N, C-alpha and C. Protein backbone atom coordinates (compact mmCIF):
# COMPACT_ATOMS: atom_id res chain seq x y z
N MET A 1 236.42 -21.35 -9.87
CA MET A 1 237.02 -21.85 -8.63
C MET A 1 238.48 -22.22 -8.85
N ALA A 2 238.78 -22.83 -9.99
CA ALA A 2 240.17 -23.24 -10.27
C ALA A 2 241.09 -22.03 -10.32
N LEU A 3 240.62 -20.96 -10.99
CA LEU A 3 241.45 -19.76 -11.08
C LEU A 3 241.62 -19.11 -9.71
N LEU A 4 240.55 -19.14 -8.89
CA LEU A 4 240.64 -18.57 -7.56
C LEU A 4 241.71 -19.28 -6.75
N LEU A 5 241.73 -20.60 -6.77
CA LEU A 5 242.75 -21.36 -6.04
C LEU A 5 244.13 -21.07 -6.61
N PHE A 6 244.20 -20.92 -7.93
CA PHE A 6 245.46 -20.63 -8.62
C PHE A 6 246.07 -19.34 -8.10
N LEU A 7 245.24 -18.32 -7.93
CA LEU A 7 245.76 -17.01 -7.52
C LEU A 7 245.99 -16.91 -6.02
N LEU A 8 245.20 -17.63 -5.24
CA LEU A 8 245.33 -17.53 -3.79
C LEU A 8 246.49 -18.35 -3.26
N SER A 9 247.05 -19.22 -4.06
CA SER A 9 248.22 -19.99 -3.63
C SER A 9 249.48 -19.15 -3.85
N PRO A 10 250.56 -19.39 -3.09
CA PRO A 10 251.79 -18.62 -3.26
C PRO A 10 252.41 -18.78 -4.64
N PHE A 11 252.15 -19.91 -5.30
CA PHE A 11 252.67 -20.12 -6.65
C PHE A 11 251.69 -21.00 -7.42
N ALA A 12 251.84 -20.99 -8.72
CA ALA A 12 250.97 -21.81 -9.57
C ALA A 12 251.83 -22.82 -10.31
N VAL A 13 251.21 -23.89 -10.79
CA VAL A 13 251.95 -24.90 -11.54
C VAL A 13 251.70 -24.70 -13.02
N ALA A 14 252.75 -24.52 -13.77
CA ALA A 14 252.63 -24.29 -15.20
C ALA A 14 252.27 -25.59 -15.91
N GLN A 15 251.97 -25.48 -17.20
CA GLN A 15 251.54 -26.64 -17.96
C GLN A 15 252.64 -27.69 -18.06
N ASN A 16 253.89 -27.28 -18.01
CA ASN A 16 254.98 -28.24 -18.11
C ASN A 16 255.31 -28.88 -16.76
N GLY A 17 254.53 -28.53 -15.72
CA GLY A 17 254.71 -29.16 -14.42
C GLY A 17 255.67 -28.42 -13.51
N GLU A 18 256.34 -27.41 -14.04
CA GLU A 18 257.29 -26.66 -13.22
C GLU A 18 256.56 -25.56 -12.46
N ALA A 19 257.09 -25.22 -11.29
CA ALA A 19 256.49 -24.16 -10.49
C ALA A 19 256.62 -22.83 -11.22
N SER A 20 255.52 -22.14 -11.34
CA SER A 20 255.51 -20.84 -12.02
C SER A 20 254.98 -19.80 -11.06
N GLU A 21 255.81 -18.89 -10.62
CA GLU A 21 255.41 -17.91 -9.64
C GLU A 21 254.53 -16.83 -10.25
N VAL A 22 253.53 -16.43 -9.49
CA VAL A 22 252.61 -15.38 -9.92
C VAL A 22 253.11 -14.05 -9.39
N LYS A 23 253.33 -13.10 -10.28
CA LYS A 23 253.84 -11.79 -9.89
C LYS A 23 252.83 -10.72 -10.30
N PHE A 24 252.81 -9.65 -9.52
CA PHE A 24 251.88 -8.56 -9.77
C PHE A 24 252.63 -7.23 -9.86
N ALA A 25 252.06 -6.29 -10.59
CA ALA A 25 252.71 -4.98 -10.72
C ALA A 25 251.66 -3.87 -10.88
N TYR A 26 252.08 -2.68 -10.52
CA TYR A 26 251.24 -1.48 -10.60
C TYR A 26 252.10 -0.33 -11.09
N GLN A 27 251.50 0.53 -11.91
CA GLN A 27 252.21 1.74 -12.34
C GLN A 27 251.22 2.89 -12.42
N PHE A 28 251.65 4.04 -11.94
CA PHE A 28 250.86 5.27 -12.05
C PHE A 28 251.70 6.31 -12.77
N GLU A 29 251.07 7.02 -13.72
CA GLU A 29 251.78 8.03 -14.49
C GLU A 29 250.92 9.28 -14.65
N ASN A 30 251.52 10.42 -14.35
CA ASN A 30 250.92 11.71 -14.66
C ASN A 30 252.03 12.74 -14.67
N ALA A 31 252.46 13.15 -15.84
CA ALA A 31 253.62 14.04 -15.98
C ALA A 31 253.39 15.39 -15.33
N ARG A 32 252.14 15.76 -15.07
CA ARG A 32 251.85 17.07 -14.50
C ARG A 32 251.88 17.07 -12.97
N PHE A 33 251.98 15.89 -12.37
CA PHE A 33 251.97 15.79 -10.91
C PHE A 33 253.38 15.94 -10.35
N TYR A 34 253.45 16.34 -9.07
CA TYR A 34 254.75 16.44 -8.40
C TYR A 34 255.41 15.06 -8.31
N ILE A 35 254.59 14.03 -8.12
CA ILE A 35 255.08 12.65 -8.20
C ILE A 35 254.55 12.08 -9.50
N PRO A 36 255.32 12.18 -10.59
CA PRO A 36 254.80 11.82 -11.91
C PRO A 36 254.82 10.32 -12.21
N LEU A 37 255.55 9.56 -11.40
CA LEU A 37 255.67 8.13 -11.67
C LEU A 37 255.77 7.33 -10.39
N ILE A 38 254.94 6.29 -10.28
CA ILE A 38 254.99 5.34 -9.18
C ILE A 38 254.92 3.94 -9.77
N LYS A 39 255.83 3.08 -9.34
CA LYS A 39 255.83 1.70 -9.80
C LYS A 39 255.95 0.77 -8.59
N ILE A 40 255.17 -0.30 -8.60
CA ILE A 40 255.26 -1.31 -7.55
C ILE A 40 255.34 -2.69 -8.20
N ASP A 41 256.30 -3.48 -7.78
CA ASP A 41 256.42 -4.87 -8.20
C ASP A 41 256.30 -5.75 -6.97
N LEU A 42 255.43 -6.77 -7.06
CA LEU A 42 255.20 -7.67 -5.93
C LEU A 42 255.59 -9.09 -6.29
N SER A 43 256.33 -9.73 -5.39
CA SER A 43 256.67 -11.15 -5.56
C SER A 43 255.49 -11.99 -5.09
N PRO A 44 255.49 -13.29 -5.37
CA PRO A 44 254.39 -14.16 -4.92
C PRO A 44 254.27 -14.24 -3.40
N HIS A 45 255.33 -13.88 -2.70
CA HIS A 45 255.33 -14.04 -1.24
C HIS A 45 255.23 -12.69 -0.52
N GLY A 46 254.93 -11.63 -1.25
CA GLY A 46 254.66 -10.35 -0.62
C GLY A 46 255.83 -9.41 -0.48
N GLU A 47 256.99 -9.78 -1.05
CA GLU A 47 258.10 -8.82 -1.07
C GLU A 47 257.82 -7.80 -2.18
N GLY A 48 257.97 -6.54 -1.84
CA GLY A 48 257.65 -5.49 -2.80
C GLY A 48 258.80 -4.55 -3.06
N LEU A 49 258.80 -3.97 -4.26
CA LEU A 49 259.74 -2.93 -4.62
C LEU A 49 258.93 -1.73 -5.10
N LEU A 50 259.08 -0.61 -4.39
CA LEU A 50 258.43 0.64 -4.78
C LEU A 50 259.47 1.54 -5.42
N GLN A 51 259.14 2.09 -6.58
CA GLN A 51 259.99 3.06 -7.26
C GLN A 51 259.15 4.28 -7.60
N PHE A 52 259.71 5.47 -7.38
CA PHE A 52 258.96 6.67 -7.70
C PHE A 52 259.90 7.83 -8.02
N LYS A 53 259.34 8.79 -8.75
CA LYS A 53 260.06 10.02 -9.08
C LYS A 53 259.37 11.19 -8.41
N ARG A 54 260.16 12.23 -8.15
CA ARG A 54 259.60 13.44 -7.56
C ARG A 54 260.12 14.67 -8.28
N GLY A 55 259.22 15.67 -8.40
CA GLY A 55 259.62 16.93 -8.99
C GLY A 55 260.13 16.77 -10.42
N GLU A 56 261.16 17.52 -10.74
CA GLU A 56 261.71 17.50 -12.09
C GLU A 56 262.85 16.51 -12.25
N SER A 57 263.19 15.81 -11.17
CA SER A 57 264.29 14.85 -11.21
C SER A 57 263.89 13.61 -11.99
N ASP A 58 264.83 13.07 -12.75
CA ASP A 58 264.62 11.82 -13.47
C ASP A 58 265.07 10.60 -12.66
N ASP A 59 265.60 10.86 -11.47
CA ASP A 59 266.09 9.77 -10.63
C ASP A 59 264.93 8.99 -10.03
N LEU A 60 265.07 7.67 -10.03
CA LEU A 60 264.10 6.80 -9.39
C LEU A 60 264.55 6.51 -7.96
N ILE A 61 263.66 6.71 -7.00
CA ILE A 61 263.93 6.34 -5.62
C ILE A 61 263.39 4.93 -5.41
N ASP A 62 264.21 4.03 -4.89
CA ASP A 62 263.82 2.63 -4.70
C ASP A 62 263.61 2.34 -3.22
N LEU A 63 262.49 1.72 -2.88
CA LEU A 63 262.19 1.31 -1.51
C LEU A 63 261.69 -0.12 -1.51
N LYS A 64 262.28 -0.95 -0.68
CA LYS A 64 261.82 -2.33 -0.55
C LYS A 64 260.89 -2.43 0.66
N PHE A 65 259.90 -3.33 0.57
CA PHE A 65 258.97 -3.50 1.67
C PHE A 65 258.42 -4.92 1.67
N LYS A 66 257.72 -5.26 2.73
CA LYS A 66 257.11 -6.59 2.87
C LYS A 66 255.66 -6.41 3.28
N LEU A 67 254.75 -7.00 2.52
CA LEU A 67 253.32 -6.89 2.82
C LEU A 67 252.93 -7.77 4.01
N PHE A 68 251.89 -7.33 4.73
CA PHE A 68 251.25 -8.22 5.67
C PHE A 68 250.59 -9.36 4.88
N PRO A 69 250.54 -10.57 5.42
CA PRO A 69 249.90 -11.69 4.71
C PRO A 69 248.46 -11.38 4.30
N GLU A 70 247.72 -10.68 5.17
CA GLU A 70 246.32 -10.40 4.84
C GLU A 70 246.19 -9.40 3.68
N THR A 71 247.17 -8.50 3.54
CA THR A 71 247.14 -7.57 2.42
C THR A 71 247.40 -8.31 1.12
N LEU A 72 248.41 -9.18 1.13
CA LEU A 72 248.70 -9.97 -0.06
C LEU A 72 247.51 -10.87 -0.42
N ALA A 73 246.88 -11.45 0.59
CA ALA A 73 245.73 -12.32 0.33
C ALA A 73 244.60 -11.54 -0.33
N ARG A 74 244.38 -10.30 0.13
CA ARG A 74 243.32 -9.49 -0.47
C ARG A 74 243.65 -9.12 -1.92
N ILE A 75 244.89 -8.79 -2.17
CA ILE A 75 245.30 -8.47 -3.55
C ILE A 75 245.08 -9.67 -4.45
N ARG A 76 245.49 -10.85 -4.00
CA ARG A 76 245.29 -12.07 -4.79
C ARG A 76 243.81 -12.33 -5.02
N GLN A 77 243.02 -12.11 -3.98
CA GLN A 77 241.58 -12.35 -4.09
C GLN A 77 240.94 -11.44 -5.14
N LEU A 78 241.36 -10.18 -5.17
CA LEU A 78 240.78 -9.24 -6.13
C LEU A 78 241.15 -9.61 -7.57
N TYR A 79 242.38 -10.02 -7.78
CA TYR A 79 242.77 -10.50 -9.11
C TYR A 79 241.93 -11.72 -9.50
N ALA A 80 241.71 -12.61 -8.53
CA ALA A 80 240.96 -13.83 -8.82
C ALA A 80 239.49 -13.55 -9.08
N GLU A 81 238.87 -12.71 -8.26
CA GLU A 81 237.45 -12.42 -8.40
C GLU A 81 237.13 -11.75 -9.74
N THR A 82 238.07 -10.98 -10.25
CA THR A 82 237.85 -10.32 -11.54
C THR A 82 238.30 -11.17 -12.71
N ASP A 83 238.85 -12.37 -12.40
CA ASP A 83 239.37 -13.25 -13.46
C ASP A 83 240.34 -12.46 -14.34
N PHE A 84 241.19 -11.69 -13.66
CA PHE A 84 242.03 -10.70 -14.34
C PHE A 84 242.85 -11.28 -15.47
N LEU A 85 243.47 -12.42 -15.22
CA LEU A 85 244.41 -12.98 -16.19
C LEU A 85 243.72 -13.40 -17.49
N SER A 86 242.49 -13.89 -17.38
CA SER A 86 241.79 -14.40 -18.55
C SER A 86 240.78 -13.42 -19.13
N SER A 87 240.38 -12.44 -18.34
CA SER A 87 239.34 -11.52 -18.77
C SER A 87 239.82 -10.60 -19.90
N THR A 88 238.87 -10.20 -20.72
CA THR A 88 239.15 -9.21 -21.77
C THR A 88 238.41 -7.91 -21.48
N GLU A 89 237.88 -7.79 -20.27
CA GLU A 89 237.10 -6.60 -19.91
C GLU A 89 237.95 -5.33 -19.98
N ASN A 90 237.37 -4.30 -20.53
CA ASN A 90 238.02 -2.99 -20.56
C ASN A 90 237.57 -2.23 -19.31
N TYR A 91 238.48 -2.02 -18.39
CA TYR A 91 238.11 -1.42 -17.12
C TYR A 91 237.95 0.10 -17.18
N GLN A 92 238.32 0.70 -18.30
CA GLN A 92 238.25 2.14 -18.44
C GLN A 92 236.79 2.63 -18.49
N ASP A 93 236.50 3.67 -17.72
CA ASP A 93 235.19 4.29 -17.75
C ASP A 93 234.94 4.93 -19.12
N LYS A 94 233.68 5.05 -19.51
CA LYS A 94 233.36 5.65 -20.80
C LYS A 94 233.81 7.10 -20.88
N LYS A 95 233.78 7.79 -19.75
CA LYS A 95 234.21 9.18 -19.71
C LYS A 95 235.71 9.26 -19.42
N ASP A 96 236.39 10.11 -20.16
CA ASP A 96 237.84 10.24 -19.98
C ASP A 96 238.16 11.07 -18.74
N HIS A 97 239.06 10.54 -17.91
CA HIS A 97 239.53 11.25 -16.72
C HIS A 97 241.06 11.28 -16.72
N SER A 98 241.65 11.50 -17.87
CA SER A 98 243.10 11.43 -17.99
C SER A 98 243.82 12.48 -17.15
N ASN A 99 243.09 13.52 -16.72
CA ASN A 99 243.71 14.51 -15.84
C ASN A 99 244.10 13.90 -14.50
N LEU A 100 243.49 12.76 -14.17
CA LEU A 100 243.81 12.06 -12.92
C LEU A 100 245.09 11.23 -13.02
N GLY A 101 245.56 11.01 -14.24
CA GLY A 101 246.71 10.15 -14.44
C GLY A 101 246.28 8.76 -14.86
N TRP A 102 247.25 7.97 -15.34
CA TRP A 102 246.97 6.63 -15.86
C TRP A 102 247.51 5.56 -14.92
N VAL A 103 246.68 4.55 -14.70
CA VAL A 103 247.05 3.40 -13.88
C VAL A 103 247.20 2.18 -14.78
N THR A 104 248.25 1.40 -14.56
CA THR A 104 248.42 0.13 -15.27
C THR A 104 248.57 -0.98 -14.24
N LEU A 105 247.67 -1.95 -14.29
CA LEU A 105 247.76 -3.13 -13.44
C LEU A 105 248.23 -4.29 -14.30
N SER A 106 249.08 -5.13 -13.75
CA SER A 106 249.55 -6.27 -14.53
C SER A 106 249.72 -7.49 -13.65
N MET A 107 249.71 -8.63 -14.31
CA MET A 107 249.89 -9.91 -13.63
C MET A 107 250.67 -10.83 -14.56
N ASN A 108 251.61 -11.57 -13.99
CA ASN A 108 252.43 -12.47 -14.77
C ASN A 108 252.45 -13.83 -14.08
N ALA A 109 252.06 -14.86 -14.82
CA ALA A 109 252.06 -16.24 -14.29
C ALA A 109 252.69 -17.14 -15.34
N GLY A 110 254.00 -17.30 -15.26
CA GLY A 110 254.70 -18.10 -16.26
C GLY A 110 254.63 -17.44 -17.62
N GLU A 111 254.08 -18.16 -18.59
CA GLU A 111 253.97 -17.63 -19.94
C GLU A 111 252.71 -16.79 -20.14
N ARG A 112 251.87 -16.76 -19.14
CA ARG A 112 250.63 -15.99 -19.22
C ARG A 112 250.83 -14.64 -18.54
N ASN A 113 250.40 -13.58 -19.20
CA ASN A 113 250.50 -12.26 -18.59
C ASN A 113 249.44 -11.35 -19.18
N ARG A 114 249.10 -10.33 -18.42
CA ARG A 114 248.11 -9.37 -18.90
C ARG A 114 248.35 -8.02 -18.24
N GLU A 115 248.12 -6.96 -19.01
CA GLU A 115 248.14 -5.59 -18.50
C GLU A 115 246.79 -4.93 -18.79
N ALA A 116 246.36 -4.09 -17.87
CA ALA A 116 245.14 -3.31 -18.07
C ALA A 116 245.44 -1.86 -17.69
N ARG A 117 245.11 -0.93 -18.58
CA ARG A 117 245.44 0.48 -18.37
C ARG A 117 244.15 1.30 -18.35
N PHE A 118 244.03 2.19 -17.40
CA PHE A 118 242.84 3.03 -17.29
C PHE A 118 243.17 4.28 -16.47
N ASN A 119 242.34 5.30 -16.63
CA ASN A 119 242.51 6.49 -15.78
C ASN A 119 241.40 6.60 -14.74
N TYR A 120 240.30 5.90 -14.99
CA TYR A 120 239.22 5.79 -14.00
C TYR A 120 238.41 4.56 -14.36
N THR A 121 237.98 3.82 -13.34
CA THR A 121 237.23 2.59 -13.62
C THR A 121 235.97 2.52 -12.76
N PRO A 122 234.86 2.06 -13.32
CA PRO A 122 233.65 1.84 -12.53
C PRO A 122 233.63 0.46 -11.87
N ASN A 123 234.62 -0.38 -12.19
CA ASN A 123 234.69 -1.72 -11.61
C ASN A 123 235.17 -1.62 -10.16
N PRO A 124 234.34 -1.95 -9.18
CA PRO A 124 234.71 -1.74 -7.77
C PRO A 124 235.92 -2.55 -7.32
N GLN A 125 236.07 -3.76 -7.83
CA GLN A 125 237.19 -4.59 -7.41
C GLN A 125 238.51 -4.08 -7.99
N ILE A 126 238.48 -3.67 -9.25
CA ILE A 126 239.68 -3.12 -9.86
C ILE A 126 240.04 -1.78 -9.22
N LYS A 127 239.02 -1.00 -8.88
CA LYS A 127 239.28 0.27 -8.20
C LYS A 127 239.92 0.03 -6.83
N GLU A 128 239.41 -0.96 -6.10
CA GLU A 128 240.00 -1.28 -4.80
C GLU A 128 241.45 -1.72 -4.96
N LEU A 129 241.71 -2.51 -5.97
CA LEU A 129 243.07 -2.98 -6.23
C LEU A 129 244.01 -1.80 -6.47
N ALA A 130 243.57 -0.87 -7.33
CA ALA A 130 244.39 0.32 -7.61
C ALA A 130 244.56 1.17 -6.36
N ASP A 131 243.49 1.28 -5.56
CA ASP A 131 243.57 2.07 -4.32
C ASP A 131 244.54 1.45 -3.32
N ILE A 132 244.57 0.12 -3.25
CA ILE A 132 245.50 -0.54 -2.34
C ILE A 132 246.94 -0.26 -2.75
N TYR A 133 247.23 -0.41 -4.03
CA TYR A 133 248.59 -0.13 -4.50
C TYR A 133 248.99 1.31 -4.20
N ARG A 134 248.10 2.25 -4.49
CA ARG A 134 248.44 3.65 -4.26
C ARG A 134 248.64 3.92 -2.77
N ALA A 135 247.83 3.27 -1.92
CA ALA A 135 247.98 3.44 -0.48
C ALA A 135 249.27 2.82 0.04
N LEU A 136 249.70 1.73 -0.58
CA LEU A 136 251.00 1.16 -0.22
C LEU A 136 252.12 2.13 -0.56
N ALA A 137 252.01 2.75 -1.74
CA ALA A 137 253.03 3.73 -2.15
C ALA A 137 253.05 4.91 -1.19
N THR A 138 251.88 5.44 -0.85
CA THR A 138 251.80 6.58 0.06
C THR A 138 252.38 6.22 1.43
N GLN A 139 252.05 5.03 1.90
CA GLN A 139 252.54 4.55 3.19
C GLN A 139 254.06 4.55 3.25
N HIS A 140 254.68 3.99 2.25
CA HIS A 140 256.14 3.85 2.30
C HIS A 140 256.86 5.14 1.90
N MET A 141 256.23 5.98 1.10
CA MET A 141 256.82 7.30 0.83
C MET A 141 256.78 8.16 2.09
N ASN A 142 255.70 8.05 2.87
CA ASN A 142 255.63 8.79 4.13
C ASN A 142 256.72 8.34 5.11
N LEU A 143 256.89 7.03 5.21
CA LEU A 143 257.95 6.52 6.09
C LEU A 143 259.32 6.98 5.62
N PHE A 144 259.52 6.97 4.32
CA PHE A 144 260.78 7.45 3.74
C PHE A 144 261.02 8.91 4.10
N ASP A 145 259.99 9.74 4.00
CA ASP A 145 260.13 11.17 4.31
C ASP A 145 260.41 11.40 5.79
N ILE A 146 259.78 10.60 6.64
CA ILE A 146 260.03 10.73 8.08
C ILE A 146 261.47 10.35 8.40
N GLU A 147 261.93 9.24 7.83
CA GLU A 147 263.31 8.81 8.07
C GLU A 147 264.32 9.82 7.54
N THR A 148 264.04 10.38 6.38
CA THR A 148 264.92 11.40 5.81
C THR A 148 264.99 12.63 6.71
N SER A 149 263.83 13.04 7.23
CA SER A 149 263.80 14.19 8.14
C SER A 149 264.56 13.88 9.43
N GLN A 150 264.42 12.67 9.94
CA GLN A 150 265.15 12.29 11.15
C GLN A 150 266.66 12.45 10.96
N GLN A 151 267.13 12.08 9.78
CA GLN A 151 268.57 12.10 9.52
C GLN A 151 269.10 13.50 9.22
N PHE A 152 268.34 14.27 8.46
CA PHE A 152 268.89 15.52 7.95
C PHE A 152 268.18 16.79 8.43
N GLN A 153 266.89 16.69 8.79
CA GLN A 153 266.14 17.86 9.24
C GLN A 153 265.21 17.47 10.38
N PRO A 154 265.75 17.21 11.57
CA PRO A 154 264.91 16.76 12.69
C PRO A 154 263.75 17.69 13.01
N LEU A 155 263.95 18.99 12.79
CA LEU A 155 262.87 19.93 13.10
C LEU A 155 261.68 19.79 12.15
N ASP A 156 261.88 19.05 11.06
CA ASP A 156 260.81 18.85 10.08
C ASP A 156 259.98 17.60 10.37
N VAL A 157 260.39 16.82 11.37
CA VAL A 157 259.67 15.58 11.69
C VAL A 157 258.21 15.84 12.08
N PRO A 158 257.90 16.85 12.92
CA PRO A 158 256.49 17.10 13.24
C PRO A 158 255.63 17.34 12.00
N LYS A 159 256.15 18.06 11.03
CA LYS A 159 255.40 18.32 9.79
C LYS A 159 255.14 17.02 9.04
N GLN A 160 256.15 16.15 8.98
CA GLN A 160 255.99 14.89 8.28
C GLN A 160 254.98 13.98 8.97
N ILE A 161 254.94 14.03 10.30
CA ILE A 161 253.96 13.22 11.03
C ILE A 161 252.56 13.78 10.80
N GLU A 162 252.44 15.08 10.67
CA GLU A 162 251.13 15.69 10.35
C GLU A 162 250.64 15.19 8.99
N ILE A 163 251.54 15.14 8.03
CA ILE A 163 251.17 14.63 6.70
C ILE A 163 250.72 13.18 6.80
N LEU A 164 251.45 12.39 7.56
CA LEU A 164 251.10 10.98 7.76
C LEU A 164 249.73 10.84 8.41
N GLU A 165 249.48 11.63 9.43
CA GLU A 165 248.19 11.56 10.12
C GLU A 165 247.04 11.94 9.18
N ASN A 166 247.25 12.92 8.35
CA ASN A 166 246.23 13.33 7.40
C ASN A 166 245.93 12.20 6.41
N ASP A 167 246.98 11.52 5.95
CA ASP A 167 246.77 10.40 5.03
C ASP A 167 246.05 9.24 5.73
N LEU A 168 246.32 9.03 6.99
CA LEU A 168 245.62 8.01 7.76
C LEU A 168 244.13 8.34 7.84
N ARG A 169 243.81 9.58 8.12
CA ARG A 169 242.41 10.00 8.24
C ARG A 169 241.67 9.87 6.92
N LEU A 170 242.37 10.08 5.82
CA LEU A 170 241.75 10.02 4.49
C LEU A 170 241.79 8.61 3.89
N GLU A 171 242.19 7.63 4.69
CA GLU A 171 242.26 6.22 4.27
C GLU A 171 243.22 6.03 3.11
N ARG A 172 244.33 6.74 3.14
CA ARG A 172 245.35 6.63 2.09
C ARG A 172 246.53 5.77 2.50
N ILE A 173 246.42 5.09 3.64
CA ILE A 173 247.47 4.21 4.13
C ILE A 173 246.93 2.78 4.13
N ALA A 174 247.66 1.87 3.50
CA ALA A 174 247.16 0.49 3.35
C ALA A 174 247.26 -0.31 4.64
N GLU A 175 248.36 -0.14 5.37
CA GLU A 175 248.64 -0.98 6.54
C GLU A 175 249.09 -0.11 7.71
N PRO A 176 248.16 0.52 8.43
CA PRO A 176 248.55 1.39 9.55
C PRO A 176 249.47 0.72 10.57
N GLN A 177 249.27 -0.58 10.79
CA GLN A 177 250.11 -1.29 11.76
C GLN A 177 251.59 -1.30 11.37
N GLN A 178 251.86 -1.18 10.08
CA GLN A 178 253.25 -1.15 9.62
C GLN A 178 253.97 0.12 10.08
N LEU A 179 253.22 1.13 10.48
CA LEU A 179 253.80 2.39 10.91
C LEU A 179 254.29 2.35 12.36
N LEU A 180 253.82 1.38 13.11
CA LEU A 180 254.07 1.38 14.55
C LEU A 180 255.55 1.33 14.94
N PRO A 181 256.39 0.51 14.31
CA PRO A 181 257.81 0.50 14.72
C PRO A 181 258.46 1.88 14.61
N LYS A 182 258.22 2.59 13.51
CA LYS A 182 258.82 3.92 13.35
C LYS A 182 258.23 4.91 14.35
N LEU A 183 256.93 4.86 14.56
CA LEU A 183 256.30 5.79 15.51
C LEU A 183 256.78 5.52 16.93
N ARG A 184 256.97 4.25 17.28
CA ARG A 184 257.48 3.93 18.63
C ARG A 184 258.92 4.40 18.78
N GLU A 185 259.68 4.30 17.71
CA GLU A 185 261.06 4.78 17.74
C GLU A 185 261.10 6.29 18.04
N ILE A 186 260.21 7.02 17.38
CA ILE A 186 260.15 8.47 17.59
C ILE A 186 259.64 8.79 19.00
N ALA A 187 258.58 8.08 19.43
CA ALA A 187 257.94 8.38 20.71
C ALA A 187 258.85 8.12 21.90
N THR A 188 259.72 7.12 21.79
CA THR A 188 260.57 6.74 22.93
C THR A 188 261.99 7.29 22.81
N GLY A 189 262.30 7.93 21.69
CA GLY A 189 263.65 8.47 21.50
C GLY A 189 263.79 9.86 22.08
N ASP A 190 264.98 10.41 21.97
CA ASP A 190 265.23 11.76 22.49
C ASP A 190 265.80 12.69 21.42
N GLN A 191 265.76 12.25 20.16
CA GLN A 191 266.32 13.07 19.10
C GLN A 191 265.26 13.94 18.42
N ALA A 192 264.04 13.44 18.31
CA ALA A 192 262.98 14.21 17.67
C ALA A 192 262.47 15.29 18.63
N PRO A 193 261.94 16.38 18.10
CA PRO A 193 261.35 17.42 18.97
C PRO A 193 260.23 16.84 19.83
N LEU A 194 259.98 17.45 20.97
CA LEU A 194 258.96 16.96 21.89
C LEU A 194 257.60 16.87 21.22
N ILE A 195 257.28 17.86 20.38
CA ILE A 195 255.98 17.83 19.71
C ILE A 195 255.84 16.60 18.82
N ALA A 196 256.93 16.19 18.19
CA ALA A 196 256.89 15.00 17.33
C ALA A 196 256.71 13.75 18.18
N ARG A 197 257.34 13.70 19.33
CA ARG A 197 257.20 12.54 20.21
C ARG A 197 255.76 12.41 20.70
N ASN A 198 255.15 13.56 21.03
CA ASN A 198 253.75 13.53 21.48
C ASN A 198 252.81 13.15 20.33
N GLN A 199 253.10 13.65 19.14
CA GLN A 199 252.31 13.27 17.97
C GLN A 199 252.37 11.76 17.75
N ALA A 200 253.58 11.23 17.83
CA ALA A 200 253.78 9.80 17.60
C ALA A 200 253.03 8.97 18.64
N LYS A 201 253.08 9.39 19.90
CA LYS A 201 252.37 8.66 20.95
C LYS A 201 250.87 8.65 20.70
N ARG A 202 250.33 9.78 20.26
CA ARG A 202 248.90 9.86 19.99
C ARG A 202 248.51 8.95 18.83
N LEU A 203 249.33 8.93 17.78
CA LEU A 203 249.03 8.09 16.62
C LEU A 203 249.13 6.61 16.97
N ILE A 204 250.09 6.26 17.80
CA ILE A 204 250.24 4.86 18.23
C ILE A 204 248.96 4.37 18.88
N VAL A 205 248.41 5.17 19.79
CA VAL A 205 247.18 4.80 20.49
C VAL A 205 246.03 4.64 19.49
N SER A 206 245.92 5.58 18.55
CA SER A 206 244.83 5.55 17.57
C SER A 206 244.93 4.33 16.66
N ILE A 207 246.15 4.01 16.23
CA ILE A 207 246.35 2.85 15.35
C ILE A 207 246.06 1.56 16.11
N GLU A 208 246.55 1.47 17.34
CA GLU A 208 246.33 0.25 18.12
C GLU A 208 244.84 0.03 18.42
N LYS A 209 244.06 1.11 18.47
CA LYS A 209 242.62 1.00 18.69
C LYS A 209 241.86 0.76 17.39
N GLY A 210 242.57 0.73 16.26
CA GLY A 210 241.92 0.49 14.98
C GLY A 210 241.09 1.66 14.49
N LYS A 211 241.50 2.87 14.83
CA LYS A 211 240.72 4.06 14.49
C LYS A 211 240.69 4.33 12.99
N PHE A 212 241.78 4.01 12.30
CA PHE A 212 241.91 4.40 10.89
C PHE A 212 241.52 3.25 9.95
N LYS A 213 240.63 3.57 9.01
CA LYS A 213 240.24 2.61 7.99
C LYS A 213 241.27 2.63 6.86
N THR A 214 241.26 1.56 6.05
CA THR A 214 242.21 1.46 4.95
C THR A 214 241.48 1.01 3.69
N PRO A 215 242.11 1.14 2.53
CA PRO A 215 241.50 0.63 1.28
C PRO A 215 241.47 -0.89 1.21
N VAL A 216 242.18 -1.56 2.12
CA VAL A 216 242.22 -3.03 2.12
C VAL A 216 240.96 -3.53 2.81
N LYS A 217 240.01 -4.00 2.02
CA LYS A 217 238.74 -4.45 2.59
C LYS A 217 238.86 -5.86 3.15
N THR A 218 237.95 -6.18 4.06
CA THR A 218 237.88 -7.52 4.60
C THR A 218 236.49 -8.08 4.34
N ALA A 219 236.31 -9.34 4.61
CA ALA A 219 235.01 -9.99 4.37
C ALA A 219 233.91 -9.24 5.11
N GLY A 220 232.87 -8.89 4.37
CA GLY A 220 231.73 -8.22 4.97
C GLY A 220 231.84 -6.72 5.04
N SER A 221 233.01 -6.17 4.69
CA SER A 221 233.18 -4.72 4.73
C SER A 221 232.68 -4.11 3.45
N LYS A 222 232.40 -2.81 3.50
CA LYS A 222 231.88 -2.10 2.35
C LYS A 222 232.80 -0.96 1.99
């Protein structure tokens, strides 16, 4: 219970009495993938930094974002339920799945820190945690691609919205509601092709009705 309260609070108190912020991080690596590297750093208050590489470029693309409070609460809960900081559990499955790429989860609380690396895990809570991070990355990379298309290739916006919709259907987006400002901008603007505006309007309705599930579970969900 003490550890649960420690993680669910915005900050923890270190042994010397000073406030010690709890930070979380995620990294995905697979040199054979088109996106070979994804990194996410989260502050105690839900400010995030996403960094990723694409193709053969060594350049890191940086995107800042802000989590919904309920998403941050779920992430904290999963770390707490698994006793991540104190546990010595090896989350790696007995069978090697390195073709899927390697995931590293980490947590830092003052002088205490831990990293766990695996390519596949049978632990449902750790799997959910990794799925949430990956869905956050997908969410913000999709928004980045849509914005890039708006600026430089407006005719490509419908294709990017199709990709976004597919990810929504496959539960690869962590926070569908975060997409609404951009979709409303497209739906009510006059710069995107008509097909893109109609696509955006349809997705807005679906998201507002709660049609799309996400990896972020809630109490009682399976």
